[in-house]
Amino acid sequence: MVAGLLAGMWSQPALAQGRKPFHAMSNDEKNDVKTAESVDAQYRNALARTSKGDAKPVQVDPWSNMRGAETSPAKKK
């Protein structure tokens, strides 16, 4: 019983940090929430407009400057 009581007491501060219901917020807090939602929607729209299908994949060779001049391969006998 004591363990259950302690677990309940320890979880209370974590639950207290949740967001208030929208109807209980002040006008400034409501504006902040609406602004954040608007910015998030604009961000998601920008990501949707960005098309990766049009771009050609870039070939990167990090060792290109470490190799010598290209020569024809020698034939082994």
C-alpha atoms as a PDB file:
ATOM      1  CA  MET A   1       0.000   0.000   0.000  1.00  0.00           C
ATOM      2  CA  VAL A   2       2.855   2.343   0.851  1.00  0.00           C
ATOM      3  CA  ALA A   3       4.552   1.630  -2.477  1.00  0.00           C
ATOM      4  CA  GLY A   4       1.386   2.531  -4.365  1.00  0.00           C
ATOM      5  CA  LEU A   5       1.045   5.750  -2.393  1.00  0.00           C
ATOM      6  CA  LEU A   6       4.669   6.711  -3.100  1.00  0.00           C
ATOM      7  CA  ALA A   7       4.333   5.930  -6.805  1.00  0.00           C
ATOM      8  CA  GLY A   8       1.234   8.122  -6.974  1.00  0.00           C
ATOM      9  CA  MET A   9       2.974  10.986  -5.188  1.00  0.00           C
ATOM     10  CA  TRP A  10       6.008  10.782  -7.469  1.00  0.00           C
ATOM     11  CA  SER A  11       3.941  10.798 -10.657  1.00  0.00           C
ATOM     12  CA  GLN A  12       1.943  13.879  -9.676  1.00  0.00           C
ATOM     13  CA  PRO A  13       4.619  16.474 -10.631  1.00  0.00           C
ATOM     14  CA  ALA A  14       5.027  14.859 -14.049  1.00  0.00           C
ATOM     15  CA  LEU A  15       1.297  14.996 -14.695  1.00  0.00           C
ATOM     16  CA  ALA A  16       1.088  18.575 -13.463  1.00  0.00           C
ATOM     17  CA  GLN A  17       3.306  19.761 -16.320  1.00  0.00           C
ATOM     18  CA  GLY A  18       0.708  18.968 -18.971  1.00  0.00           C
ATOM     19  CA  ARG A  19      -0.830  21.700 -21.113  1.00  0.00           C
ATOM     20  CA  LYS A  20      -3.924  23.499 -19.850  1.00  0.00           C
ATOM     21  CA  PRO A  21      -7.197  22.999 -21.718  1.00  0.00           C
ATOM     22  CA  PHE A  22      -7.686  25.579 -24.462  1.00  0.00           C
ATOM     23  CA  HIS A  23     -10.734  27.137 -22.772  1.00  0.00           C
ATOM     24  CA  ALA A  24      -8.736  27.730 -19.548  1.00  0.00           C
ATOM     25  CA  MET A  25      -5.925  29.679 -21.262  1.00  0.00           C
ATOM     26  CA  SER A  26      -5.540  33.434 -21.313  1.00  0.00           C
ATOM     27  CA  ASN A  27      -5.781  35.302 -24.621  1.00  0.00           C
ATOM     28  CA  ASP A  28      -1.982  35.603 -24.854  1.00  0.00           C
ATOM     29  CA  GLU A  29      -1.570  31.857 -24.358  1.00  0.00           C
ATOM     30  CA  LYS A  30      -4.275  31.147 -26.946  1.00  0.00           C
ATOM     31  CA  ASN A  31      -2.497  33.421 -29.444  1.00  0.00           C
ATOM     32  CA  ASP A  32       0.797  31.657 -28.759  1.00  0.00           C
ATOM     33  CA  VAL A  33      -0.785  28.255 -29.383  1.00  0.00           C
ATOM     34  CA  LYS A  34      -2.442  29.450 -32.591  1.00  0.00           C
ATOM     35  CA  THR A  35       0.838  30.995 -33.784  1.00  0.00           C
ATOM     36  CA  ALA A  36       2.739  27.791 -33.058  1.00  0.00           C
ATOM     37  CA  GLU A  37       0.144  25.736 -34.931  1.00  0.00           C
ATOM     38  CA  SER A  38       0.297  28.160 -37.870  1.00  0.00           C
ATOM     39  CA  VAL A  39       4.088  27.977 -38.040  1.00  0.00           C
ATOM     40  CA  ASP A  40       3.927  24.184 -37.862  1.00  0.00           C
ATOM     41  CA  ALA A  41       1.371  24.080 -40.702  1.00  0.00           C
ATOM     42  CA  GLN A  42       3.542  26.381 -42.841  1.00  0.00           C
ATOM     43  CA  TYR A  43       6.563  24.165 -42.192  1.00  0.00           C
ATOM     44  CA  ARG A  44       4.665  21.016 -43.178  1.00  0.00           C
ATOM     45  CA  ASN A  45       3.381  22.715 -46.352  1.00  0.00           C
ATOM     46  CA  ALA A  46       6.923  23.768 -47.278  1.00  0.00           C
ATOM     47  CA  LEU A  47       8.116  20.178 -46.829  1.00  0.00           C
ATOM     48  CA  ALA A  48       5.272  18.900 -48.990  1.00  0.00           C
ATOM     49  CA  ARG A  49       6.112  21.389 -51.757  1.00  0.00           C
ATOM     50  CA  THR A  50       9.744  20.334 -51.789  1.00  0.00           C
ATOM     51  CA  SER A  51      10.017  17.535 -54.279  1.00  0.00           C
ATOM     52  CA  LYS A  52      13.008  15.237 -54.163  1.00  0.00           C
ATOM     53  CA  GLY A  53      11.893  13.359 -57.267  1.00  0.00           C
ATOM     54  CA  ASP A  54      13.142  16.146 -59.564  1.00  0.00           C
ATOM     55  CA  ALA A  55      16.673  16.239 -58.195  1.00  0.00           C
ATOM     56  CA  LYS A  56      19.341  13.906 -59.527  1.00  0.00           C
ATOM     57  CA  PRO A  57      21.244  12.069 -56.783  1.00  0.00           C
ATOM     58  CA  VAL A  58      24.710  13.485 -56.207  1.00  0.00           C
ATOM     59  CA  GLN A  59      27.623  11.090 -56.563  1.00  0.00           C
ATOM     60  CA  VAL A  60      30.167  11.787 -53.831  1.00  0.00           C
ATOM     61  CA  ASP A  61      33.632  10.253 -53.872  1.00  0.00           C
ATOM     62  CA  PRO A  62      35.491  11.257 -50.700  1.00  0.00           C
ATOM     63  CA  TRP A  63      38.636   9.392 -51.796  1.00  0.00           C
ATOM     64  CA  SER A  64      38.935  11.041 -55.215  1.00  0.00           C
ATOM     65  CA  ASN A  65      41.947  13.162 -54.258  1.00  0.00           C
ATOM     66  CA  MET A  66      43.748  10.174 -52.667  1.00  0.00           C
ATOM     67  CA  ARG A  67      43.867   8.069 -55.830  1.00  0.00           C
ATOM     68  CA  GLY A  68      46.570   8.405 -58.433  1.00  0.00           C
ATOM     69  CA  ALA A  69      46.050   9.066 -62.121  1.00  0.00           C
ATOM     70  CA  GLU A  70      43.809   6.568 -63.825  1.00  0.00           C
ATOM     71  CA  THR A  71      45.702   4.057 -65.931  1.00  0.00           C
ATOM     72  CA  SER A  72      44.596   1.026 -67.858  1.00  0.00           C
ATOM     73  CA  PRO A  73      44.643  -2.115 -65.744  1.00  0.00           C
ATOM     74  CA  ALA A  74      47.576  -4.461 -66.332  1.00  0.00           C
ATOM     75  CA  LYS A  75      46.741  -7.902 -67.600  1.00  0.00           C
ATOM     76  CA  LYS A  76      47.690 -10.775 -65.319  1.00  0.00           C
ATOM     77  CA  LYS A  77      49.241 -13.902 -66.803  1.00  0.00           C
END
